Protein backbone atom coordinates (compact mmCIF):
# COMPACT_ATOMS: atom_id res chain seq x y z
CA MET A 1 107.90 53.45 123.02
CA GLY A 2 110.18 54.73 120.06
CA ILE A 3 110.71 52.13 117.44
CA LYS A 4 110.50 48.41 118.44
CA GLY A 5 109.20 48.49 121.82
CA LYS A 6 112.89 50.26 123.51
CA LYS A 7 112.37 52.80 125.32
CA LYS A 8 113.66 56.29 124.35
CA LYS A 9 117.01 56.74 124.88
CA SER A 10 115.55 60.08 126.81
CA GLU A 11 113.15 58.35 129.67
CA ARG A 12 116.21 55.51 130.50
CA ASP A 13 118.73 57.59 131.31
CA MET A 14 116.62 59.30 133.28
CA LYS A 15 116.76 58.72 136.87
CA PHE A 16 114.64 56.70 139.41
CA GLU A 17 113.11 60.44 141.09
CA LYS A 18 112.58 62.01 138.10
CA LYS A 19 110.83 59.73 136.53
CA LEU A 20 108.50 59.40 139.60
CA ALA A 21 107.31 62.81 139.27
CA ALA A 22 107.48 62.74 135.72
CA ARG A 23 104.50 59.97 135.50
CA ALA A 24 102.91 60.00 139.53
CA ILE A 25 98.56 60.81 138.60
CA SER A 26 99.43 63.83 140.80
CA GLU A 27 95.53 63.62 142.33
CA TRP A 28 97.25 60.41 144.16
CA LYS A 29 101.15 62.22 144.58
CA ASN A 30 100.64 61.82 148.31
CA GLN A 31 99.96 57.55 148.09
CA TYR A 32 104.09 56.80 146.04
CA PRO A 33 106.19 55.90 148.15
CA ARG A 34 108.48 59.31 149.40
CA TYR A 35 111.54 57.73 146.85
CA SER A 36 113.14 61.36 148.00
CA SER A 37 112.91 61.11 151.80
CA LEU A 38 113.86 57.37 152.60
CA LYS A 39 116.95 58.35 149.81
CA GLU A 40 117.63 60.93 152.12
CA VAL A 41 117.38 58.91 154.95
CA LEU A 42 120.36 56.46 153.51
CA ARG A 43 122.44 59.60 152.44
CA VAL A 44 123.44 59.94 156.30
CA ALA A 45 122.14 56.78 157.67
CA ARG A 46 124.31 56.92 161.04
CA ALA A 47 123.65 54.34 163.88
CA GLY A 48 119.91 54.44 164.20
CA SER A 49 118.85 55.74 161.05
CA VAL A 50 118.46 51.66 160.17
CA GLU A 51 115.44 51.46 161.85
CA VAL A 52 114.20 54.61 160.90
CA PHE A 53 114.64 54.13 157.44
CA TRP A 54 112.79 50.62 158.16
CA SER A 55 109.69 52.01 159.99
CA LEU A 56 109.78 54.74 157.23
CA LEU A 57 109.35 52.35 154.68
CA ILE A 58 107.47 50.18 156.02
CA GLU A 59 104.76 52.72 156.49
CA ASP A 60 105.21 53.50 153.23
CA VAL A 61 104.53 50.21 151.87
CA GLN A 62 101.39 50.32 154.05
CA ARG A 63 99.88 53.29 152.96
CA SER A 64 100.82 52.65 149.65
CA SER A 65 99.33 49.59 149.64
CA HIS A 66 95.71 50.30 151.81
CA PHE A 67 95.01 53.02 149.00
CA PHE A 68 96.55 50.68 145.96
CA GLU A 69 93.29 48.00 147.56
CA SER A 70 90.67 50.60 148.85
CA THR A 71 90.90 52.49 145.35
CA LEU A 72 90.13 49.01 143.46
CA ASN A 73 87.47 47.60 145.87
CA LYS A 74 85.90 50.77 145.38
CA THR A 75 86.11 50.63 140.72
CA ALA A 76 85.37 47.34 140.70
CA ALA A 77 82.23 48.11 142.96
CA LYS A 78 81.23 50.77 140.93
CA VAL A 79 81.41 49.41 137.95
CA ALA A 80 79.80 46.46 138.95
CA GLU A 81 76.72 48.55 139.72
CA ALA A 82 77.37 50.58 136.38
CA SER A 83 77.26 47.28 134.58
CA ARG A 84 74.78 45.72 135.52
CA GLU A 85 72.28 49.40 135.35
CA GLY A 86 74.41 49.51 131.63
CA ASP A 87 75.96 52.16 132.98
CA THR A 88 78.76 52.76 129.86
CA LYS A 89 79.93 55.72 130.61
CA THR A 90 80.25 54.47 134.19
CA ILE A 91 81.90 51.32 133.48
CA LEU A 92 85.10 53.27 131.09
CA ASP A 93 85.68 55.96 133.73
CA GLY A 94 85.95 52.32 135.62
CA TYR A 95 89.10 51.39 133.22
CA GLU A 96 90.60 54.61 133.10
CA VAL A 97 91.11 54.27 137.29
CA LEU A 98 92.33 50.90 136.31
CA LEU A 99 95.14 51.87 134.19
CA LYS A 100 96.01 54.33 136.05
CA LEU A 101 96.32 51.80 139.24
CA GLN A 102 97.68 49.55 137.07
CA ASN A 103 100.50 52.91 136.31
CA PHE A 104 100.40 53.60 140.10
CA ARG A 105 101.39 49.92 141.44
CA ASP A 106 104.63 49.52 138.26
CA LEU A 107 105.24 52.95 139.47
CA SER A 108 105.56 51.92 143.58
CA THR A 109 106.47 48.38 142.58
CA THR A 110 109.93 49.78 141.33
CA GLY A 111 110.44 52.61 143.57
CA PHE A 112 110.28 50.45 146.38
CA ARG A 113 112.84 47.73 145.10
CA LYS A 114 114.79 50.40 143.80
CA ILE A 115 116.02 51.48 147.40
CA VAL A 116 115.38 48.54 149.48
CA LYS A 117 118.36 47.43 146.99
CA LYS A 118 120.24 50.82 147.80
CA ALA A 119 119.33 49.68 151.39
CA ASP A 120 120.46 47.09 151.53
CA LYS A 121 123.57 48.69 150.24
CA VAL A 122 124.09 51.37 152.33
CA PHE A 123 123.96 49.16 155.24
CA SER A 124 125.79 45.80 154.21
CA ASP A 125 128.60 48.44 153.44
CA ARG A 126 127.67 49.59 157.22
CA LYS A 127 128.45 46.89 158.76
CA SER A 128 131.49 45.68 156.73
CA VAL A 129 132.89 48.99 157.52
CA VAL A 130 132.62 48.88 161.75
């Protein structure tokens, strides 16, 4: 971040797709929303695309949610065991995973919010054209 908590202009102006690619944790890349694919479905939206889009979106939400929840639970179990054993390194490693999960959650939530907003606009425009 820049001065006084303001984001640098280059970061603020970056399209979300690029931001997602730049900030996504590489070993977890398949767990994030398929923002580009969902955006492409919207771009070519036709009569049957509404169901296709929502089906893909639900699949992404479920996959991301499952990954987040299972990673959180595994990390919590490891940290709990490490704290009983006094294993400081494992506790710190768990903290790092939690920070990565926070980043994952923030990027995923933003991606889902943005793509649903785009879908709402595309599909409401399609109804008014018909």
